[in-house]
């Protein structure tokens, strides 16, 4: 059984992970990689760095539901 950290860390997000998000993508959207901004990023490592925004790359694949 794999164990997971109790919260997402930036190190985890640097790896290749697959997430499901509740968005509708038009069926004719070409497979591509898009960049969006995650706003209000929270520091879950309890560091003194201020929360901010980070870019996260999302790959869109046709046929995903």
PDB file of N, CA and C in Angstrom:
ATOM      1  N   UNK A   1       0.856  -1.189   0.000  1.00  0.00           N
ATOM      2  CA  UNK A   1       0.000   0.000   0.000  1.00  0.00           C
ATOM      3  C   UNK A   1       0.889   1.236   0.000  1.00  0.00           C
ATOM      4  N   UNK A   2       0.663   2.114  -0.981  1.00  0.00           N
ATOM      5  CA  UNK A   2       1.437   3.342  -1.052  1.00  0.00           C
ATOM      6  C   UNK A   2       0.961   4.316   0.010  1.00  0.00           C
ATOM      7  N   UNK A   3       1.872   5.093   0.516  1.00  0.00           N
ATOM      8  CA  UNK A   3       1.476   6.119   1.479  1.00  0.00           C
ATOM      9  C   UNK A   3       1.639   7.481   0.821  1.00  0.00           C
ATOM     10  N   UNK A   4       0.800   8.397   1.195  1.00  0.00           N
ATOM     11  CA  UNK A   4       0.823   9.728   0.631  1.00  0.00           C
ATOM     12  C   UNK A   4       0.982  10.738   1.752  1.00  0.00           C
ATOM     13  N   UNK A   5       1.595  11.873   1.435  1.00  0.00           N
ATOM     14  CA  UNK A   5       1.708  12.896   2.475  1.00  0.00           C
ATOM     15  C   UNK A   5       0.333  13.440   2.826  1.00  0.00           C
ATOM     16  N   UNK A   6       0.159  13.981   4.008  1.00  0.00           N
ATOM     17  CA  UNK A   6      -1.155  14.482   4.420  1.00  0.00           C
ATOM     18  C   UNK A   6      -1.560  15.743   3.666  1.00  0.00           C
ATOM     19  N   UNK A   7      -0.640  16.337   2.919  1.00  0.00           N
ATOM     20  CA  UNK A   7      -0.967  17.535   2.144  1.00  0.00           C
ATOM     21  C   UNK A   7      -0.064  17.547   0.921  1.00  0.00           C
ATOM     22  N   UNK A   8      -0.494  18.287  -0.086  1.00  0.00           N
ATOM     23  CA  UNK A   8       0.321  18.413  -1.300  1.00  0.00           C
ATOM     24  C   UNK A   8       1.462  19.376  -1.031  1.00  0.00           C
ATOM     25  N   UNK A   9       2.645  19.025  -1.451  1.00  0.00           N
ATOM     26  CA  UNK A   9       3.775  19.934  -1.353  1.00  0.00           C
ATOM     27  C   UNK A   9       4.222  20.286  -2.769  1.00  0.00           C
ATOM     28  N   UNK A  10       4.964  21.372  -2.871  1.00  0.00           N
ATOM     29  CA  UNK A  10       5.437  21.787  -4.200  1.00  0.00           C
ATOM     30  C   UNK A  10       6.320  20.707  -4.804  1.00  0.00           C
ATOM     31  N   UNK A  11       7.099  20.013  -3.976  1.00  0.00           N
ATOM     32  CA  UNK A  11       7.930  18.936  -4.500  1.00  0.00           C
ATOM     33  C   UNK A  11       7.071  17.867  -5.153  1.00  0.00           C
ATOM     34  N   UNK A  12       5.920  17.592  -4.566  1.00  0.00           N
ATOM     35  CA  UNK A  12       5.040  16.589  -5.165  1.00  0.00           C
ATOM     36  C   UNK A  12       4.499  17.078  -6.495  1.00  0.00           C
ATOM     37  N   UNK A  13       4.135  18.375  -6.547  1.00  0.00           N
ATOM     38  CA  UNK A  13       3.570  18.897  -7.778  1.00  0.00           C
ATOM     39  C   UNK A  13       4.611  19.027  -8.876  1.00  0.00           C
ATOM     40  N   UNK A  14       5.885  19.024  -8.512  1.00  0.00           N
ATOM     41  CA  UNK A  14       6.925  19.055  -9.537  1.00  0.00           C
ATOM     42  C   UNK A  14       6.981  17.704 -10.255  1.00  0.00           C
ATOM     43  N   UNK A  15       6.510  16.642  -9.620  1.00  0.00           N
ATOM     44  CA  UNK A  15       6.523  15.349 -10.273  1.00  0.00           C
ATOM     45  C   UNK A  15       5.332  15.255 -11.214  1.00  0.00           C
ATOM     46  N   UNK A  16       5.316  14.202 -11.976  1.00  0.00           N
ATOM     47  CA  UNK A  16       4.230  14.017 -12.917  1.00  0.00           C
ATOM     48  C   UNK A  16       3.097  13.319 -12.195  1.00  0.00           C
ATOM     49  N   UNK A  17       2.040  14.043 -11.914  1.00  0.00           N
ATOM     50  CA  UNK A  17       0.888  13.469 -11.239  1.00  0.00           C
ATOM     51  C   UNK A  17      -0.341  13.729 -12.088  1.00  0.00           C
ATOM     52  N   UNK A  18      -1.318  12.876 -11.962  1.00  0.00           N
ATOM     53  CA  UNK A  18      -2.555  13.050 -12.710  1.00  0.00           C
ATOM     54  C   UNK A  18      -3.649  13.457 -11.742  1.00  0.00           C
ATOM     55  N   UNK A  19      -4.311  14.562 -12.051  1.00  0.00           N
ATOM     56  CA  UNK A  19      -5.380  15.035 -11.188  1.00  0.00           C
ATOM     57  C   UNK A  19      -6.646  15.169 -12.015  1.00  0.00           C
ATOM     58  N   UNK A  20      -7.781  15.100 -11.360  1.00  0.00           N
ATOM     59  CA  UNK A  20      -9.067  15.287 -12.017  1.00  0.00           C
ATOM     60  C   UNK A  20      -9.655  16.594 -11.531  1.00  0.00           C
ATOM     61  N   UNK A  21     -10.024  17.443 -12.473  1.00  0.00           N
ATOM     62  CA  UNK A  21     -10.604  18.723 -12.109  1.00  0.00           C
ATOM     63  C   UNK A  21     -11.981  18.850 -12.743  1.00  0.00           C
ATOM     64  N   UNK A  22     -12.928  19.475 -12.046  1.00  0.00           N
ATOM     65  CA  UNK A  22     -14.300  19.571 -12.556  1.00  0.00           C
ATOM     66  C   UNK A  22     -14.447  20.690 -13.584  1.00  0.00           C
ATOM     67  N   UNK A  23     -13.915  20.477 -14.772  1.00  0.00           N
ATOM     68  CA  UNK A  23     -14.071  21.457 -15.848  1.00  0.00           C
ATOM     69  C   UNK A  23     -14.584  20.742 -17.087  1.00  0.00           C
ATOM     70  N   UNK A  24     -15.303  21.487 -17.917  1.00  0.00           N
ATOM     71  CA  UNK A  24     -15.775  20.929 -19.187  1.00  0.00           C
ATOM     72  C   UNK A  24     -14.875  21.430 -20.306  1.00  0.00           C
ATOM     73  N   UNK A  25     -14.367  20.510 -21.097  1.00  0.00           N
ATOM     74  CA  UNK A  25     -13.506  20.851 -22.219  1.00  0.00           C
ATOM     75  C   UNK A  25     -14.251  20.484 -23.497  1.00  0.00           C
ATOM     76  N   UNK A  26     -14.405  21.424 -24.439  1.00  0.00           N
ATOM     77  CA  UNK A  26     -15.112  21.109 -25.680  1.00  0.00           C
ATOM     78  C   UNK A  26     -14.494  19.908 -26.393  1.00  0.00           C
ATOM     79  N   UNK A  27     -15.345  19.101 -27.014  1.00  0.00           N
ATOM     80  CA  UNK A  27     -14.881  17.867 -27.646  1.00  0.00           C
ATOM     81  C   UNK A  27     -13.891  18.144 -28.771  1.00  0.00           C
ATOM     82  N   UNK A  28     -13.982  19.327 -29.380  1.00  0.00           N
ATOM     83  CA  UNK A  28     -13.084  19.614 -30.501  1.00  0.00           C
ATOM     84  C   UNK A  28     -11.785  20.292 -30.059  1.00  0.00           C
ATOM     85  N   UNK A  29     -11.530  20.320 -28.760  1.00  0.00           N
ATOM     86  CA  UNK A  29     -10.276  20.890 -28.274  1.00  0.00           C
ATOM     87  C   UNK A  29      -9.129  19.981 -28.690  1.00  0.00           C
ATOM     88  N   UNK A  30      -8.131  20.525 -29.403  1.00  0.00           N
ATOM     89  CA  UNK A  30      -7.018  19.678 -29.815  1.00  0.00           C
ATOM     90  C   UNK A  30      -6.177  19.255 -28.624  1.00  0.00           C
ATOM     91  N   UNK A  31      -5.602  18.049 -28.662  1.00  0.00           N
ATOM     92  CA  UNK A  31      -4.702  17.638 -27.586  1.00  0.00           C
ATOM     93  C   UNK A  31      -3.541  18.624 -27.526  1.00  0.00           C
ATOM     94  N   UNK A  32      -3.309  19.176 -26.386  1.00  0.00           N
ATOM     95  CA  UNK A  32      -2.279  20.195 -26.278  1.00  0.00           C
ATOM     96  C   UNK A  32      -1.949  20.368 -24.806  1.00  0.00           C
ATOM     97  N   UNK A  33      -0.916  21.134 -24.551  1.00  0.00           N
ATOM     98  CA  UNK A  33      -0.547  21.449 -23.183  1.00  0.00           C
ATOM     99  C   UNK A  33      -0.810  22.921 -22.946  1.00  0.00           C
ATOM    100  N   UNK A  34      -1.551  23.196 -21.900  1.00  0.00           N
ATOM    101  CA  UNK A  34      -1.919  24.570 -21.593  1.00  0.00           C
ATOM    102  C   UNK A  34      -1.343  24.956 -20.242  1.00  0.00           C
ATOM    103  N   UNK A  35      -1.088  26.244 -20.073  1.00  0.00           N
ATOM    104  CA  UNK A  35      -0.563  26.728 -18.806  1.00  0.00           C
ATOM    105  C   UNK A  35      -1.615  27.599 -18.141  1.00  0.00           C
ATOM    106  N   UNK A  36      -1.889  27.317 -16.919  1.00  0.00           N
ATOM    107  CA  UNK A  36      -2.810  28.166 -16.180  1.00  0.00           C
ATOM    108  C   UNK A  36      -2.145  28.525 -14.857  1.00  0.00           C
ATOM    109  N   UNK A  37      -2.748  29.418 -14.151  1.00  0.00           N
ATOM    110  CA  UNK A  37      -2.161  29.892 -12.893  1.00  0.00           C
ATOM    111  C   UNK A  37      -3.012  29.433 -11.718  1.00  0.00           C
ATOM    112  N   UNK A  38      -2.363  28.843 -10.750  1.00  0.00           N
ATOM    113  CA  UNK A  38      -3.028  28.475  -9.507  1.00  0.00           C
ATOM    114  C   UNK A  38      -2.877  29.668  -8.580  1.00  0.00           C
ATOM    115  N   UNK A  39      -3.983  30.324  -8.280  1.00  0.00           N
ATOM    116  CA  UNK A  39      -3.911  31.550  -7.492  1.00  0.00           C
ATOM    117  C   UNK A  39      -4.148  31.250  -6.008  1.00  0.00           C
ATOM    118  N   UNK A  40      -3.585  32.111  -5.182  1.00  0.00           N
ATOM    119  CA  UNK A  40      -3.767  31.932  -3.750  1.00  0.00           C
ATOM    120  C   UNK A  40      -3.076  30.683  -3.240  1.00  0.00           C
ATOM    121  N   UNK A  41      -1.934  30.387  -3.816  1.00  0.00           N
ATOM    122  CA  UNK A  41      -1.196  29.176  -3.432  1.00  0.00           C
ATOM    123  C   UNK A  41      -0.853  29.224  -1.953  1.00  0.00           C
ATOM    124  N   UNK A  42      -1.130  28.154  -1.261  1.00  0.00           N
ATOM    125  CA  UNK A  42      -0.814  28.104   0.167  1.00  0.00           C
ATOM    126  C   UNK A  42       0.456  27.310   0.382  1.00  0.00           C
ATOM    127  N   UNK A  43       1.269  27.767   1.285  1.00  0.00           N
ATOM    128  CA  UNK A  43       2.471  27.034   1.644  1.00  0.00           C
ATOM    129  C   UNK A  43       2.097  25.980   2.675  1.00  0.00           C
ATOM    130  N   UNK A  44       2.213  24.719   2.271  1.00  0.00           N
ATOM    131  CA  UNK A  44       1.834  23.648   3.184  1.00  0.00           C
ATOM    132  C   UNK A  44       3.038  23.117   3.944  1.00  0.00           C
ATOM    133  N   UNK A  45       4.208  23.689   3.656  1.00  0.00           N
ATOM    134  CA  UNK A  45       5.383  23.216   4.386  1.00  0.00           C
ATOM    135  C   UNK A  45       5.670  24.091   5.604  1.00  0.00           C
ATOM    136  N   UNK A  46       4.721  24.997   5.917  1.00  0.00           N
ATOM    137  CA  UNK A  46       4.827  25.841   7.106  1.00  0.00           C
ATOM    138  C   UNK A  46       6.077  26.717   7.086  1.00  0.00           C
ATOM    139  N   UNK A  47       6.516  27.073   5.871  1.00  0.00           N
ATOM    140  CA  UNK A  47       7.669  27.965   5.780  1.00  0.00           C
ATOM    141  C   UNK A  47       7.201  29.402   5.945  1.00  0.00           C
ATOM    142  N   UNK A  48       8.139  30.310   5.998  1.00  0.00           N
ATOM    143  CA  UNK A  48       7.797  31.715   6.153  1.00  0.00           C
ATOM    144  C   UNK A  48       7.598  32.417   4.814  1.00  0.00           C
ATOM    145  N   UNK A  49       7.692  31.664   3.734  1.00  0.00           N
ATOM    146  CA  UNK A  49       7.492  32.269   2.423  1.00  0.00           C
ATOM    147  C   UNK A  49       6.028  32.651   2.270  1.00  0.00           C
ATOM    148  N   UNK A  50       5.747  33.818   1.678  1.00  0.00           N
ATOM    149  CA  UNK A  50       4.355  34.234   1.516  1.00  0.00           C
ATOM    150  C   UNK A  50       3.637  33.389   0.468  1.00  0.00           C
ATOM    151  N   UNK A  51       2.343  33.224   0.663  1.00  0.00           N
ATOM    152  CA  UNK A  51       1.549  32.518  -0.334  1.00  0.00           C
ATOM    153  C   UNK A  51       1.468  33.374  -1.584  1.00  0.00           C
ATOM    154  N   UNK A  52       1.412  32.754  -2.739  1.00  0.00           N
ATOM    155  CA  UNK A  52       1.370  33.509  -3.984  1.00  0.00           C
ATOM    156  C   UNK A  52       0.727  32.692  -5.084  1.00  0.00           C
ATOM    157  N   UNK A  53       1.152  32.909  -6.304  1.00  0.00           N
ATOM    158  CA  UNK A  53       0.595  32.207  -7.449  1.00  0.00           C
ATOM    159  C   UNK A  53       1.706  31.424  -8.135  1.00  0.00           C
ATOM    160  N   UNK A  54       1.362  30.262  -8.622  1.00  0.00           N
ATOM    161  CA  UNK A  54       2.316  29.439  -9.359  1.00  0.00           C
ATOM    162  C   UNK A  54       1.660  28.927 -10.622  1.00  0.00           C
ATOM    163  N   UNK A  55       2.467  28.723 -11.632  1.00  0.00           N
ATOM    164  CA  UNK A  55       1.958  28.149 -12.878  1.00  0.00           C
ATOM    165  C   UNK A  55       1.965  26.638 -12.776  1.00  0.00           C
ATOM    166  N   UNK A  56       0.940  26.040 -13.315  1.00  0.00           N
ATOM    167  CA  UNK A  56       0.863  24.584 -13.379  1.00  0.00           C
ATOM    168  C   UNK A  56       0.492  24.223 -14.811  1.00  0.00           C
ATOM    169  N   UNK A  57       1.145  23.234 -15.359  1.00  0.00           N
ATOM    170  CA  UNK A  57       0.912  22.852 -16.743  1.00  0.00           C
ATOM    171  C   UNK A  57      -0.111  21.727 -16.778  1.00  0.00           C
ATOM    172  N   UNK A  58      -1.139  21.912 -17.593  1.00  0.00           N
ATOM    173  CA  UNK A  58      -2.201  20.919 -17.722  1.00  0.00           C
ATOM    174  C   UNK A  58      -2.206  20.402 -19.155  1.00  0.00           C
ATOM    175  N   UNK A  59      -2.179  19.106 -19.322  1.00  0.00           N
ATOM    176  CA  UNK A  59      -2.272  18.504 -20.646  1.00  0.00           C
ATOM    177  C   UNK A  59      -3.712  18.100 -20.906  1.00  0.00           C
ATOM    178  N   UNK A  60      -4.258  18.574 -22.020  1.00  0.00           N
ATOM    179  CA  UNK A  60      -5.644  18.269 -22.375  1.00  0.00           C
ATOM    180  C   UNK A  60      -5.636  17.112 -23.361  1.00  0.00           C
ATOM    181  N   UNK A  61      -6.413  16.074 -23.041  1.00  0.00           N
ATOM    182  CA  UNK A  61      -6.520  14.923 -23.933  1.00  0.00           C
ATOM    183  C   UNK A  61      -7.968  14.764 -24.353  1.00  0.00           C
ATOM    184  N   UNK A  62      -8.180  14.587 -25.649  1.00  0.00           N
ATOM    185  CA  UNK A  62      -9.535  14.365 -26.141  1.00  0.00           C
ATOM    186  C   UNK A  62     -10.087  13.064 -25.571  1.00  0.00           C
ATOM    187  N   UNK A  63     -11.363  13.080 -25.271  1.00  0.00           N
ATOM    188  CA  UNK A  63     -12.008  11.862 -24.801  1.00  0.00           C
ATOM    189  C   UNK A  63     -12.034  11.745 -23.295  1.00  0.00           C
ATOM    190  N   UNK A  64     -11.324  12.602 -22.582  1.00  0.00           N
ATOM    191  CA  UNK A  64     -11.369  12.557 -21.120  1.00  0.00           C
ATOM    192  C   UNK A  64     -12.732  13.033 -20.635  1.00  0.00           C
ATOM    193  N   UNK A  65     -13.245  12.377 -19.629  1.00  0.00           N
ATOM    194  CA  UNK A  65     -14.541  12.790 -19.079  1.00  0.00           C
ATOM    195  C   UNK A  65     -14.381  13.057 -17.603  1.00  0.00           C
TER     196      UNK A  65
END
